[in-house]
Amino acid sequence: MTMIKFPAMIAASALVLVTACADQGGPNDNFQARNGAAIGAGLGVLAGVISGDTAAERRRNAARGAIFGGIVGGGIGNALDRQEEELRAQMGGNVGITNNGQNLVVTLPQDILFATNSTSVSGASQSDLSTLATSINRYPDTTVNVVGHTDNVGGASFNFDLSQRRAQSVTSVLINAGVSPARIRSIGRGEDAPVATNQTSAGRQQNRRVEIIITPN
């Protein structure tokens, strides 16, 4: 009876560890590295628990999964922490950077990227995108999605097309700056993923954006 319950106890302990790590720290004290290690360990335990035919095998696999998952998850979190810190130091104040432990989301307002009704990237944004391309190449084991968003002013089909073309323009700049085309793709979302209300000018401005999502492989 005790041996059968043991893997479940390990899994529960790992989930407690995940929660504990998620409730403390910040970007300057390796929060995402710790969080990634905890999540990796928890997932490794759960994978081990369900992969054995006997209680002994499940217990052994759970322990191995915790170690392996913790190492992998911690490495991913640490790399995201480093890249986030570097980008915050190098990129302009208008650029938003979010590290959620799974990926980095670099957000550039479309109002600084493009002139009204234009899909040509402004000269002022070329420098930020060049810096971002250098960072992407410094961390080669990632994939990149460039996602265009608009507000809801105008027709939905027009906004979708505009978001696609603007995402492609940003993608082209990153590729021309050295990012491999095999690592990057452009996506248009139009007006269907707002981050603020479209009922105010300030909200619509937030919704007009391009997000560069960097995800570890």
N, C-alpha and C. Protein backbone atom coordinates (compact mmCIF):
# COMPACT_ATOMS: atom_id res chain seq x y z
N MET A 1 0.83 -1.20 0.00
CA MET A 1 0.00 0.00 0.00
C MET A 1 0.86 1.25 0.00
N THR A 2 1.88 1.29 0.88
CA THR A 2 2.76 2.45 0.97
C THR A 2 3.53 2.65 -0.32
N MET A 3 4.00 1.55 -0.92
CA MET A 3 4.80 1.65 -2.14
C MET A 3 3.95 2.17 -3.30
N ILE A 4 2.66 1.80 -3.35
CA ILE A 4 1.79 2.27 -4.42
C ILE A 4 1.56 3.76 -4.31
N LYS A 5 1.45 4.28 -3.07
CA LYS A 5 1.16 5.69 -2.87
C LYS A 5 2.39 6.57 -3.03
N PHE A 6 3.57 6.01 -2.97
CA PHE A 6 4.79 6.81 -2.93
C PHE A 6 4.97 7.72 -4.14
N PRO A 7 4.77 7.24 -5.39
CA PRO A 7 4.90 8.15 -6.53
C PRO A 7 3.95 9.31 -6.47
N ALA A 8 2.72 9.06 -6.01
CA ALA A 8 1.76 10.15 -5.90
C ALA A 8 2.24 11.17 -4.89
N MET A 9 2.89 10.71 -3.81
CA MET A 9 3.43 11.65 -2.83
C MET A 9 4.52 12.50 -3.44
N ILE A 10 5.37 11.89 -4.29
CA ILE A 10 6.42 12.66 -4.97
C ILE A 10 5.79 13.69 -5.87
N ALA A 11 4.77 13.29 -6.62
CA ALA A 11 4.11 14.23 -7.53
C ALA A 11 3.53 15.39 -6.77
N ALA A 12 2.87 15.09 -5.64
CA ALA A 12 2.28 16.17 -4.84
C ALA A 12 3.35 17.11 -4.32
N SER A 13 4.48 16.55 -3.88
CA SER A 13 5.58 17.39 -3.41
C SER A 13 6.12 18.28 -4.50
N ALA A 14 6.22 17.73 -5.71
CA ALA A 14 6.72 18.54 -6.83
C ALA A 14 5.77 19.68 -7.13
N LEU A 15 4.45 19.41 -7.06
CA LEU A 15 3.49 20.47 -7.33
C LEU A 15 3.55 21.54 -6.26
N VAL A 16 3.79 21.17 -5.00
CA VAL A 16 3.98 22.15 -3.94
C VAL A 16 5.20 23.01 -4.23
N LEU A 17 6.28 22.38 -4.74
CA LEU A 17 7.49 23.11 -5.09
C LEU A 17 7.22 24.11 -6.20
N VAL A 18 6.42 23.70 -7.20
CA VAL A 18 6.07 24.62 -8.28
C VAL A 18 5.37 25.83 -7.72
N THR A 19 4.38 25.62 -6.84
CA THR A 19 3.61 26.72 -6.27
C THR A 19 4.50 27.63 -5.45
N ALA A 20 5.40 27.03 -4.65
CA ALA A 20 6.29 27.84 -3.81
C ALA A 20 7.18 28.72 -4.65
N CYS A 21 7.72 28.19 -5.74
CA CYS A 21 8.60 28.97 -6.59
C CYS A 21 7.84 30.06 -7.32
N ALA A 22 6.59 29.80 -7.65
CA ALA A 22 5.81 30.79 -8.39
C ALA A 22 5.41 31.95 -7.52
N ASP A 23 5.47 31.80 -6.20
CA ASP A 23 5.01 32.84 -5.30
C ASP A 23 6.11 33.75 -4.80
N GLN A 24 7.34 33.61 -5.30
CA GLN A 24 8.42 34.42 -4.78
C GLN A 24 9.35 34.81 -5.90
N GLY A 25 10.18 35.80 -5.59
CA GLY A 25 11.23 36.19 -6.52
C GLY A 25 10.76 37.16 -7.56
N GLY A 26 11.69 37.53 -8.47
CA GLY A 26 11.43 38.46 -9.55
C GLY A 26 12.46 38.28 -10.62
N PRO A 27 12.40 39.09 -11.69
CA PRO A 27 13.30 38.87 -12.82
C PRO A 27 14.76 39.05 -12.49
N ASN A 28 15.08 39.75 -11.39
CA ASN A 28 16.48 39.98 -11.05
C ASN A 28 17.07 38.93 -10.13
N ASP A 29 16.25 38.00 -9.66
CA ASP A 29 16.82 36.94 -8.83
C ASP A 29 16.46 35.56 -9.37
N ASN A 30 16.53 35.43 -10.72
CA ASN A 30 16.40 34.13 -11.39
C ASN A 30 15.08 33.44 -11.10
N PHE A 31 14.00 34.22 -10.99
CA PHE A 31 12.69 33.64 -10.72
C PHE A 31 12.30 32.64 -11.80
N GLN A 32 12.48 32.99 -13.08
CA GLN A 32 12.04 32.10 -14.14
C GLN A 32 12.90 30.84 -14.17
N ALA A 33 14.17 30.95 -13.82
CA ALA A 33 15.01 29.75 -13.77
C ALA A 33 14.51 28.80 -12.70
N ARG A 34 14.20 29.34 -11.51
CA ARG A 34 13.68 28.49 -10.45
C ARG A 34 12.31 27.93 -10.81
N ASN A 35 11.48 28.80 -11.36
CA ASN A 35 10.14 28.37 -11.74
C ASN A 35 10.21 27.29 -12.82
N GLY A 36 11.11 27.48 -13.81
CA GLY A 36 11.26 26.48 -14.86
C GLY A 36 11.75 25.17 -14.31
N ALA A 37 12.67 25.20 -13.37
CA ALA A 37 13.18 23.98 -12.77
C ALA A 37 12.08 23.26 -12.02
N ALA A 38 11.28 24.01 -11.27
CA ALA A 38 10.21 23.40 -10.49
C ALA A 38 9.16 22.78 -11.40
N ILE A 39 8.76 23.53 -12.43
CA ILE A 39 7.76 22.99 -13.36
C ILE A 39 8.31 21.76 -14.08
N GLY A 40 9.58 21.84 -14.52
CA GLY A 40 10.18 20.69 -15.18
C GLY A 40 10.23 19.47 -14.28
N ALA A 41 10.58 19.70 -13.02
CA ALA A 41 10.63 18.58 -12.08
C ALA A 41 9.25 17.99 -11.87
N GLY A 42 8.25 18.85 -11.72
CA GLY A 42 6.89 18.36 -11.52
C GLY A 42 6.39 17.55 -12.70
N LEU A 43 6.65 18.07 -13.91
CA LEU A 43 6.23 17.33 -15.11
C LEU A 43 7.00 16.02 -15.24
N GLY A 44 8.29 16.05 -14.87
CA GLY A 44 9.08 14.82 -14.93
C GLY A 44 8.55 13.77 -13.97
N VAL A 45 8.15 14.20 -12.78
CA VAL A 45 7.57 13.27 -11.82
C VAL A 45 6.29 12.66 -12.36
N LEU A 46 5.42 13.51 -12.87
CA LEU A 46 4.13 13.01 -13.37
C LEU A 46 4.33 12.04 -14.53
N ALA A 47 5.28 12.38 -15.42
CA ALA A 47 5.56 11.46 -16.53
C ALA A 47 6.08 10.13 -16.00
N GLY A 48 6.93 10.18 -14.99
CA GLY A 48 7.45 8.94 -14.42
C GLY A 48 6.40 8.11 -13.75
N VAL A 49 5.45 8.79 -13.07
CA VAL A 49 4.41 8.07 -12.35
C VAL A 49 3.57 7.23 -13.30
N ILE A 50 3.28 7.76 -14.48
CA ILE A 50 2.37 7.05 -15.39
C ILE A 50 3.11 6.13 -16.35
N SER A 51 4.45 6.08 -16.26
CA SER A 51 5.19 5.29 -17.25
C SER A 51 5.62 3.93 -16.76
N GLY A 52 5.37 3.61 -15.51
CA GLY A 52 5.79 2.32 -14.99
C GLY A 52 4.64 1.34 -14.86
N ASP A 53 4.97 0.05 -14.96
CA ASP A 53 3.95 -0.99 -14.85
C ASP A 53 3.73 -1.43 -13.41
N THR A 54 4.74 -1.23 -12.57
CA THR A 54 4.63 -1.64 -11.18
C THR A 54 4.91 -0.44 -10.29
N ALA A 55 4.58 -0.59 -9.00
CA ALA A 55 4.83 0.49 -8.04
C ALA A 55 6.32 0.84 -7.99
N ALA A 56 7.16 -0.19 -8.01
CA ALA A 56 8.60 0.04 -7.94
C ALA A 56 9.09 0.80 -9.17
N GLU A 57 8.59 0.42 -10.35
CA GLU A 57 9.00 1.11 -11.57
C GLU A 57 8.52 2.55 -11.56
N ARG A 58 7.28 2.78 -11.10
CA ARG A 58 6.75 4.14 -11.07
C ARG A 58 7.56 5.01 -10.11
N ARG A 59 7.93 4.45 -8.97
CA ARG A 59 8.71 5.20 -7.99
C ARG A 59 10.08 5.56 -8.56
N ARG A 60 10.71 4.58 -9.21
CA ARG A 60 12.03 4.82 -9.80
C ARG A 60 11.94 5.84 -10.94
N ASN A 61 10.94 5.69 -11.82
CA ASN A 61 10.79 6.61 -12.94
C ASN A 61 10.44 8.03 -12.48
N ALA A 62 9.66 8.12 -11.40
CA ALA A 62 9.31 9.43 -10.88
C ALA A 62 10.54 10.17 -10.39
N ALA A 63 11.42 9.47 -9.68
CA ALA A 63 12.64 10.11 -9.18
C ALA A 63 13.54 10.55 -10.33
N ARG A 64 13.69 9.69 -11.33
CA ARG A 64 14.50 10.05 -12.49
C ARG A 64 13.88 11.22 -13.25
N GLY A 65 12.56 11.20 -13.39
CA GLY A 65 11.88 12.27 -14.11
C GLY A 65 12.04 13.60 -13.41
N ALA A 66 12.00 13.61 -12.08
CA ALA A 66 12.17 14.85 -11.33
C ALA A 66 13.53 15.46 -11.59
N ILE A 67 14.56 14.62 -11.58
CA ILE A 67 15.92 15.11 -11.80
C ILE A 67 16.09 15.65 -13.21
N PHE A 68 15.68 14.85 -14.19
CA PHE A 68 15.85 15.25 -15.58
C PHE A 68 15.00 16.47 -15.91
N GLY A 69 13.74 16.46 -15.48
CA GLY A 69 12.85 17.58 -15.76
C GLY A 69 13.33 18.86 -15.10
N GLY A 70 13.87 18.75 -13.88
CA GLY A 70 14.39 19.93 -13.20
C GLY A 70 15.57 20.53 -13.92
N ILE A 71 16.46 19.69 -14.42
CA ILE A 71 17.63 20.18 -15.14
C ILE A 71 17.21 20.89 -16.42
N VAL A 72 16.34 20.25 -17.20
CA VAL A 72 15.90 20.83 -18.46
C VAL A 72 15.12 22.11 -18.23
N GLY A 73 14.15 22.06 -17.30
CA GLY A 73 13.33 23.24 -17.04
C GLY A 73 14.14 24.39 -16.49
N GLY A 74 15.10 24.10 -15.61
CA GLY A 74 15.95 25.15 -15.07
C GLY A 74 16.80 25.80 -16.13
N GLY A 75 17.31 24.99 -17.06
CA GLY A 75 18.12 25.55 -18.14
C GLY A 75 17.33 26.48 -19.03
N ILE A 76 16.10 26.09 -19.35
CA ILE A 76 15.25 26.94 -20.18
C ILE A 76 14.94 28.25 -19.46
N GLY A 77 14.55 28.14 -18.18
CA GLY A 77 14.23 29.36 -17.43
C GLY A 77 15.41 30.28 -17.30
N ASN A 78 16.61 29.74 -17.08
CA ASN A 78 17.80 30.56 -16.94
C ASN A 78 18.12 31.29 -18.22
N ALA A 79 17.97 30.62 -19.37
CA ALA A 79 18.23 31.26 -20.66
C ALA A 79 17.24 32.39 -20.90
N LEU A 80 15.96 32.18 -20.56
CA LEU A 80 14.97 33.24 -20.72
C LEU A 80 15.29 34.43 -19.83
N ASP A 81 15.72 34.16 -18.59
CA ASP A 81 16.10 35.24 -17.69
C ASP A 81 17.24 36.07 -18.27
N ARG A 82 18.26 35.41 -18.79
CA ARG A 82 19.41 36.12 -19.34
C ARG A 82 19.01 36.96 -20.54
N GLN A 83 18.24 36.36 -21.45
CA GLN A 83 17.86 37.09 -22.65
C GLN A 83 16.96 38.27 -22.29
N GLU A 84 16.05 38.08 -21.36
CA GLU A 84 15.20 39.19 -20.93
C GLU A 84 16.02 40.34 -20.37
N GLU A 85 16.98 40.03 -19.50
CA GLU A 85 17.80 41.07 -18.89
C GLU A 85 18.60 41.83 -19.95
N GLU A 86 19.16 41.10 -20.89
CA GLU A 86 19.92 41.74 -21.96
C GLU A 86 19.04 42.67 -22.81
N LEU A 87 17.86 42.19 -23.18
CA LEU A 87 16.97 42.98 -24.02
C LEU A 87 16.49 44.24 -23.29
N ARG A 88 16.21 44.12 -22.01
CA ARG A 88 15.77 45.31 -21.26
C ARG A 88 16.85 46.37 -21.23
N ALA A 89 18.10 45.94 -21.19
CA ALA A 89 19.20 46.89 -21.15
C ALA A 89 19.48 47.50 -22.51
N GLN A 90 19.14 46.80 -23.59
CA GLN A 90 19.55 47.21 -24.92
C GLN A 90 18.47 47.90 -25.74
N MET A 91 17.21 47.61 -25.46
CA MET A 91 16.14 48.11 -26.31
C MET A 91 15.50 49.36 -25.73
N GLY A 92 14.79 50.10 -26.59
CA GLY A 92 14.21 51.36 -26.19
C GLY A 92 13.08 51.22 -25.18
N GLY A 93 12.76 52.33 -24.53
CA GLY A 93 11.75 52.31 -23.49
C GLY A 93 10.34 52.07 -24.00
N ASN A 94 10.11 52.25 -25.29
CA ASN A 94 8.78 52.00 -25.85
C ASN A 94 8.50 50.52 -26.09
N VAL A 95 9.52 49.69 -25.93
CA VAL A 95 9.38 48.26 -26.20
C VAL A 95 8.99 47.53 -24.93
N GLY A 96 7.92 46.74 -25.00
CA GLY A 96 7.51 45.94 -23.85
C GLY A 96 8.13 44.55 -23.90
N ILE A 97 8.57 44.05 -22.75
CA ILE A 97 9.19 42.72 -22.67
C ILE A 97 8.54 41.95 -21.53
N THR A 98 7.98 40.80 -21.85
CA THR A 98 7.33 39.96 -20.85
C THR A 98 7.96 38.57 -20.88
N ASN A 99 8.37 38.10 -19.70
CA ASN A 99 8.93 36.77 -19.55
C ASN A 99 7.96 35.96 -18.69
N ASN A 100 7.24 35.03 -19.31
CA ASN A 100 6.25 34.26 -18.54
C ASN A 100 6.75 32.86 -18.16
N GLY A 101 8.05 32.62 -18.35
CA GLY A 101 8.62 31.32 -18.00
C GLY A 101 8.56 30.30 -19.11
N GLN A 102 7.65 30.51 -20.08
CA GLN A 102 7.55 29.62 -21.23
C GLN A 102 8.15 30.25 -22.47
N ASN A 103 8.07 31.57 -22.56
CA ASN A 103 8.64 32.29 -23.70
C ASN A 103 8.83 33.76 -23.34
N LEU A 104 9.51 34.47 -24.22
CA LEU A 104 9.63 35.92 -24.11
C LEU A 104 8.71 36.55 -25.14
N VAL A 105 7.97 37.57 -24.72
CA VAL A 105 7.11 38.30 -25.64
C VAL A 105 7.62 39.74 -25.71
N VAL A 106 8.14 40.12 -26.87
CA VAL A 106 8.63 41.48 -27.09
C VAL A 106 7.56 42.21 -27.88
N THR A 107 7.02 43.29 -27.31
CA THR A 107 5.89 44.00 -27.91
C THR A 107 6.33 45.38 -28.38
N LEU A 108 6.09 45.65 -29.66
CA LEU A 108 6.40 46.95 -30.23
C LEU A 108 5.10 47.60 -30.68
N PRO A 109 4.80 48.80 -30.19
CA PRO A 109 3.58 49.49 -30.62
C PRO A 109 3.64 49.78 -32.12
N GLN A 110 2.53 49.53 -32.81
CA GLN A 110 2.52 49.79 -34.25
C GLN A 110 2.68 51.26 -34.57
N ASP A 111 2.31 52.14 -33.62
CA ASP A 111 2.42 53.57 -33.89
C ASP A 111 3.87 54.02 -34.01
N ILE A 112 4.82 53.29 -33.43
CA ILE A 112 6.23 53.64 -33.63
C ILE A 112 6.86 52.79 -34.74
N LEU A 113 6.19 51.66 -35.05
CA LEU A 113 6.72 50.80 -36.12
C LEU A 113 6.35 51.32 -37.50
N PHE A 114 5.14 51.84 -37.64
CA PHE A 114 4.61 52.17 -38.96
C PHE A 114 3.92 53.53 -38.95
N ALA A 115 3.99 54.21 -40.07
CA ALA A 115 3.16 55.39 -40.27
C ALA A 115 1.72 54.92 -40.51
N THR A 116 0.77 55.85 -40.40
CA THR A 116 -0.64 55.50 -40.60
C THR A 116 -0.86 54.86 -41.97
N ASN A 117 -1.55 53.71 -41.96
CA ASN A 117 -1.90 52.97 -43.17
C ASN A 117 -0.67 52.48 -43.96
N SER A 118 0.49 52.44 -43.30
CA SER A 118 1.71 51.98 -43.97
C SER A 118 2.11 50.62 -43.43
N THR A 119 2.80 49.84 -44.26
CA THR A 119 3.36 48.57 -43.81
C THR A 119 4.89 48.59 -43.88
N SER A 120 5.48 49.75 -44.10
CA SER A 120 6.93 49.89 -44.12
C SER A 120 7.43 50.24 -42.73
N VAL A 121 8.36 49.46 -42.22
CA VAL A 121 8.89 49.70 -40.87
C VAL A 121 9.65 51.01 -40.84
N SER A 122 9.38 51.82 -39.83
CA SER A 122 10.01 53.13 -39.73
C SER A 122 11.50 53.00 -39.44
N GLY A 123 12.24 54.03 -39.84
CA GLY A 123 13.68 54.04 -39.57
C GLY A 123 13.98 54.00 -38.09
N ALA A 124 13.12 54.63 -37.28
CA ALA A 124 13.35 54.67 -35.83
C ALA A 124 13.27 53.28 -35.21
N SER A 125 12.51 52.39 -35.83
CA SER A 125 12.34 51.04 -35.27
C SER A 125 13.37 50.05 -35.80
N GLN A 126 14.08 50.42 -36.84
CA GLN A 126 15.06 49.51 -37.42
C GLN A 126 16.13 49.13 -36.41
N SER A 127 16.55 50.11 -35.60
CA SER A 127 17.61 49.85 -34.62
C SER A 127 17.16 48.83 -33.57
N ASP A 128 15.93 49.01 -33.05
CA ASP A 128 15.42 48.05 -32.07
C ASP A 128 15.32 46.65 -32.66
N LEU A 129 14.85 46.56 -33.89
CA LEU A 129 14.71 45.25 -34.53
C LEU A 129 16.07 44.62 -34.82
N SER A 130 17.05 45.44 -35.15
CA SER A 130 18.41 44.93 -35.35
C SER A 130 18.97 44.38 -34.04
N THR A 131 18.73 45.11 -32.94
CA THR A 131 19.16 44.63 -31.63
C THR A 131 18.48 43.32 -31.28
N LEU A 132 17.18 43.25 -31.57
CA LEU A 132 16.43 42.03 -31.29
C LEU A 132 16.95 40.86 -32.12
N ALA A 133 17.26 41.11 -33.39
CA ALA A 133 17.79 40.05 -34.25
C ALA A 133 19.12 39.52 -33.70
N THR A 134 19.97 40.40 -33.23
CA THR A 134 21.24 39.98 -32.64
C THR A 134 21.00 39.08 -31.43
N SER A 135 20.04 39.47 -30.60
CA SER A 135 19.71 38.67 -29.41
C SER A 135 19.16 37.31 -29.81
N ILE A 136 18.28 37.28 -30.80
CA ILE A 136 17.72 36.01 -31.27
C ILE A 136 18.82 35.08 -31.75
N ASN A 137 19.81 35.63 -32.43
CA ASN A 137 20.91 34.80 -32.93
C ASN A 137 21.85 34.36 -31.82
N ARG A 138 21.87 35.09 -30.71
CA ARG A 138 22.69 34.69 -29.57
C ARG A 138 22.09 33.48 -28.85
N TYR A 139 20.81 33.29 -29.04
CA TYR A 139 20.11 32.15 -28.41
C TYR A 139 19.48 31.34 -29.54
N PRO A 140 20.27 30.51 -30.20
CA PRO A 140 19.81 29.86 -31.44
C PRO A 140 18.79 28.75 -31.24
N ASP A 141 18.67 28.22 -30.03
CA ASP A 141 17.76 27.09 -29.82
C ASP A 141 16.36 27.58 -29.46
N THR A 142 15.83 28.48 -30.29
CA THR A 142 14.49 29.02 -30.08
C THR A 142 13.79 29.17 -31.43
N THR A 143 12.49 29.28 -31.38
CA THR A 143 11.71 29.63 -32.56
C THR A 143 11.02 30.96 -32.29
N VAL A 144 10.67 31.67 -33.36
CA VAL A 144 10.15 33.04 -33.23
C VAL A 144 8.87 33.17 -34.04
N ASN A 145 7.82 33.64 -33.40
CA ASN A 145 6.58 34.00 -34.07
C ASN A 145 6.40 35.51 -34.01
N VAL A 146 6.19 36.12 -35.15
CA VAL A 146 5.93 37.56 -35.22
C VAL A 146 4.44 37.72 -35.49
N VAL A 147 3.72 38.32 -34.53
CA VAL A 147 2.26 38.36 -34.59
C VAL A 147 1.78 39.81 -34.66
N GLY A 148 1.05 40.13 -35.72
CA GLY A 148 0.50 41.47 -35.88
C GLY A 148 -0.90 41.57 -35.31
N HIS A 149 -1.20 42.71 -34.67
CA HIS A 149 -2.51 42.97 -34.08
C HIS A 149 -2.97 44.37 -34.46
N THR A 150 -4.27 44.57 -34.53
CA THR A 150 -4.83 45.89 -34.79
C THR A 150 -5.92 46.20 -33.77
N ASP A 151 -6.43 47.45 -33.83
CA ASP A 151 -7.65 47.77 -33.09
C ASP A 151 -8.84 47.37 -33.96
N ASN A 152 -10.03 47.79 -33.56
CA ASN A 152 -11.23 47.37 -34.31
C ASN A 152 -11.78 48.46 -35.23
N VAL A 153 -10.97 49.50 -35.46
CA VAL A 153 -11.40 50.56 -36.36
C VAL A 153 -11.28 50.07 -37.80
N GLY A 154 -12.35 50.21 -38.58
CA GLY A 154 -12.34 49.70 -39.95
C GLY A 154 -12.90 48.29 -40.01
N GLY A 155 -12.93 47.72 -41.20
CA GLY A 155 -13.47 46.39 -41.39
C GLY A 155 -12.55 45.31 -40.86
N ALA A 156 -13.13 44.21 -40.39
CA ALA A 156 -12.35 43.12 -39.82
C ALA A 156 -11.42 42.51 -40.85
N SER A 157 -11.87 42.35 -42.09
CA SER A 157 -11.02 41.75 -43.12
C SER A 157 -9.84 42.66 -43.47
N PHE A 158 -10.10 43.97 -43.52
CA PHE A 158 -9.01 44.91 -43.77
C PHE A 158 -7.99 44.85 -42.65
N ASN A 159 -8.46 44.83 -41.40
CA ASN A 159 -7.56 44.78 -40.25
C ASN A 159 -6.74 43.50 -40.24
N PHE A 160 -7.38 42.39 -40.59
CA PHE A 160 -6.65 41.11 -40.63
C PHE A 160 -5.54 41.17 -41.68
N ASP A 161 -5.85 41.67 -42.86
CA ASP A 161 -4.85 41.78 -43.92
C ASP A 161 -3.73 42.72 -43.51
N LEU A 162 -4.09 43.85 -42.89
CA LEU A 162 -3.07 44.82 -42.46
C LEU A 162 -2.15 44.19 -41.42
N SER A 163 -2.73 43.44 -40.49
CA SER A 163 -1.90 42.82 -39.44
C SER A 163 -0.96 41.78 -40.04
N GLN A 164 -1.41 41.05 -41.04
CA GLN A 164 -0.55 40.08 -41.70
C GLN A 164 0.62 40.76 -42.40
N ARG A 165 0.31 41.83 -43.14
CA ARG A 165 1.36 42.50 -43.90
C ARG A 165 2.35 43.19 -42.98
N ARG A 166 1.88 43.73 -41.87
CA ARG A 166 2.80 44.36 -40.93
C ARG A 166 3.67 43.33 -40.21
N ALA A 167 3.09 42.20 -39.87
CA ALA A 167 3.89 41.12 -39.26
C ALA A 167 4.96 40.65 -40.24
N GLN A 168 4.59 40.53 -41.51
CA GLN A 168 5.55 40.10 -42.52
C GLN A 168 6.66 41.13 -42.69
N SER A 169 6.34 42.42 -42.60
CA SER A 169 7.36 43.47 -42.72
C SER A 169 8.38 43.36 -41.60
N VAL A 170 7.89 43.15 -40.37
CA VAL A 170 8.81 43.00 -39.24
C VAL A 170 9.64 41.74 -39.39
N THR A 171 9.01 40.67 -39.84
CA THR A 171 9.74 39.42 -40.08
C THR A 171 10.85 39.62 -41.11
N SER A 172 10.55 40.34 -42.17
CA SER A 172 11.55 40.59 -43.21
C SER A 172 12.73 41.37 -42.67
N VAL A 173 12.48 42.35 -41.79
CA VAL A 173 13.57 43.12 -41.19
C VAL A 173 14.45 42.20 -40.35
N LEU A 174 13.84 41.32 -39.55
CA LEU A 174 14.62 40.40 -38.71
C LEU A 174 15.43 39.44 -39.57
N ILE A 175 14.84 38.94 -40.65
CA ILE A 175 15.58 38.04 -41.54
C ILE A 175 16.73 38.77 -42.20
N ASN A 176 16.49 39.99 -42.66
CA ASN A 176 17.57 40.78 -43.29
C ASN A 176 18.68 41.11 -42.30
N ALA A 177 18.33 41.11 -41.00
CA ALA A 177 19.34 41.37 -39.96
C ALA A 177 20.04 40.09 -39.52
N GLY A 178 19.72 38.95 -40.16
CA GLY A 178 20.49 37.74 -39.90
C GLY A 178 19.75 36.58 -39.28
N VAL A 179 18.47 36.74 -38.93
CA VAL A 179 17.72 35.63 -38.35
C VAL A 179 17.36 34.64 -39.46
N SER A 180 17.59 33.37 -39.21
CA SER A 180 17.30 32.35 -40.21
C SER A 180 15.80 32.28 -40.50
N PRO A 181 15.40 32.28 -41.76
CA PRO A 181 13.98 32.16 -42.09
C PRO A 181 13.35 30.87 -41.56
N ALA A 182 14.16 29.84 -41.34
CA ALA A 182 13.63 28.57 -40.84
C ALA A 182 13.17 28.68 -39.39
N ARG A 183 13.61 29.70 -38.68
CA ARG A 183 13.28 29.85 -37.27
C ARG A 183 12.11 30.78 -37.02
N ILE A 184 11.60 31.42 -38.03
CA ILE A 184 10.67 32.53 -37.81
C ILE A 184 9.47 32.42 -38.75
N ARG A 185 8.32 32.82 -38.24
CA ARG A 185 7.14 32.89 -39.10
C ARG A 185 6.31 34.10 -38.69
N SER A 186 5.55 34.64 -39.63
CA SER A 186 4.70 35.80 -39.37
C SER A 186 3.24 35.38 -39.36
N ILE A 187 2.48 36.00 -38.46
CA ILE A 187 1.08 35.64 -38.24
C ILE A 187 0.27 36.93 -38.10
N GLY A 188 -0.85 37.02 -38.77
CA GLY A 188 -1.78 38.13 -38.59
C GLY A 188 -2.96 37.72 -37.73
N ARG A 189 -3.26 38.53 -36.71
CA ARG A 189 -4.40 38.24 -35.85
C ARG A 189 -5.50 39.29 -36.00
N GLY A 190 -5.23 40.37 -36.73
CA GLY A 190 -6.24 41.39 -36.89
C GLY A 190 -6.67 41.98 -35.56
N GLU A 191 -7.98 42.09 -35.38
CA GLU A 191 -8.53 42.72 -34.18
C GLU A 191 -9.01 41.72 -33.14
N ASP A 192 -8.71 40.42 -33.32
CA ASP A 192 -9.36 39.40 -32.49
C ASP A 192 -8.64 39.08 -31.19
N ALA A 193 -7.53 39.77 -30.86
CA ALA A 193 -6.83 39.49 -29.60
C ALA A 193 -6.44 40.79 -28.91
N PRO A 194 -7.42 41.62 -28.54
CA PRO A 194 -7.09 42.89 -27.89
C PRO A 194 -6.53 42.68 -26.49
N VAL A 195 -5.68 43.61 -26.06
CA VAL A 195 -5.16 43.59 -24.70
C VAL A 195 -5.78 44.71 -23.87
N ALA A 196 -6.59 45.54 -24.49
CA ALA A 196 -7.24 46.65 -23.81
C ALA A 196 -8.56 46.92 -24.53
N THR A 197 -9.37 47.79 -23.95
CA THR A 197 -10.65 48.11 -24.56
C THR A 197 -10.45 48.89 -25.86
N ASN A 198 -11.30 48.62 -26.82
CA ASN A 198 -11.30 49.39 -28.05
C ASN A 198 -12.26 50.59 -27.97
N GLN A 199 -12.80 50.84 -26.78
CA GLN A 199 -13.74 51.94 -26.61
C GLN A 199 -13.06 53.27 -26.34
N THR A 200 -11.76 53.25 -26.10
CA THR A 200 -11.02 54.49 -25.83
C THR A 200 -9.82 54.58 -26.75
N SER A 201 -9.35 55.81 -26.97
CA SER A 201 -8.18 56.03 -27.82
C SER A 201 -6.95 55.34 -27.24
N ALA A 202 -6.78 55.44 -25.91
CA ALA A 202 -5.62 54.81 -25.26
C ALA A 202 -5.67 53.30 -25.41
N GLY A 203 -6.86 52.72 -25.29
CA GLY A 203 -6.99 51.27 -25.43
C GLY A 203 -6.69 50.82 -26.84
N ARG A 204 -7.23 51.56 -27.83
CA ARG A 204 -6.97 51.20 -29.22
C ARG A 204 -5.48 51.29 -29.54
N GLN A 205 -4.80 52.26 -28.95
CA GLN A 205 -3.36 52.40 -29.18
C GLN A 205 -2.61 51.18 -28.66
N GLN A 206 -3.02 50.65 -27.50
CA GLN A 206 -2.37 49.44 -26.97
C GLN A 206 -2.62 48.23 -27.86
N ASN A 207 -3.79 48.18 -28.46
CA ASN A 207 -4.13 47.02 -29.29
C ASN A 207 -3.40 47.02 -30.63
N ARG A 208 -2.95 48.18 -31.09
CA ARG A 208 -2.18 48.24 -32.34
C ARG A 208 -0.73 47.92 -32.00
N ARG A 209 -0.33 46.69 -32.28
CA ARG A 209 0.99 46.26 -31.83
C ARG A 209 1.47 45.09 -32.66
N VAL A 210 2.79 44.84 -32.58
CA VAL A 210 3.37 43.62 -33.12
C VAL A 210 4.10 42.93 -31.97
N GLU A 211 3.80 41.65 -31.78
CA GLU A 211 4.45 40.87 -30.74
C GLU A 211 5.43 39.89 -31.36
N ILE A 212 6.66 39.89 -30.85
CA ILE A 212 7.66 38.91 -31.27
C ILE A 212 7.79 37.90 -30.12
N ILE A 213 7.32 36.69 -30.35
CA ILE A 213 7.27 35.67 -29.30
C ILE A 213 8.42 34.69 -29.51
N ILE A 214 9.34 34.65 -28.55
CA ILE A 214 10.54 33.81 -28.62
C ILE A 214 10.33 32.61 -27.69
N THR A 215 10.33 31.42 -28.27
CA THR A 215 10.01 30.21 -27.52
C THR A 215 11.16 29.21 -27.59
N PRO A 216 11.68 28.75 -26.44
CA PRO A 216 12.72 27.72 -26.47
C PRO A 216 12.23 26.45 -27.13
N ASN A 217 13.10 25.79 -27.90
CA ASN A 217 12.73 24.54 -28.57
C ASN A 217 12.70 23.39 -27.57
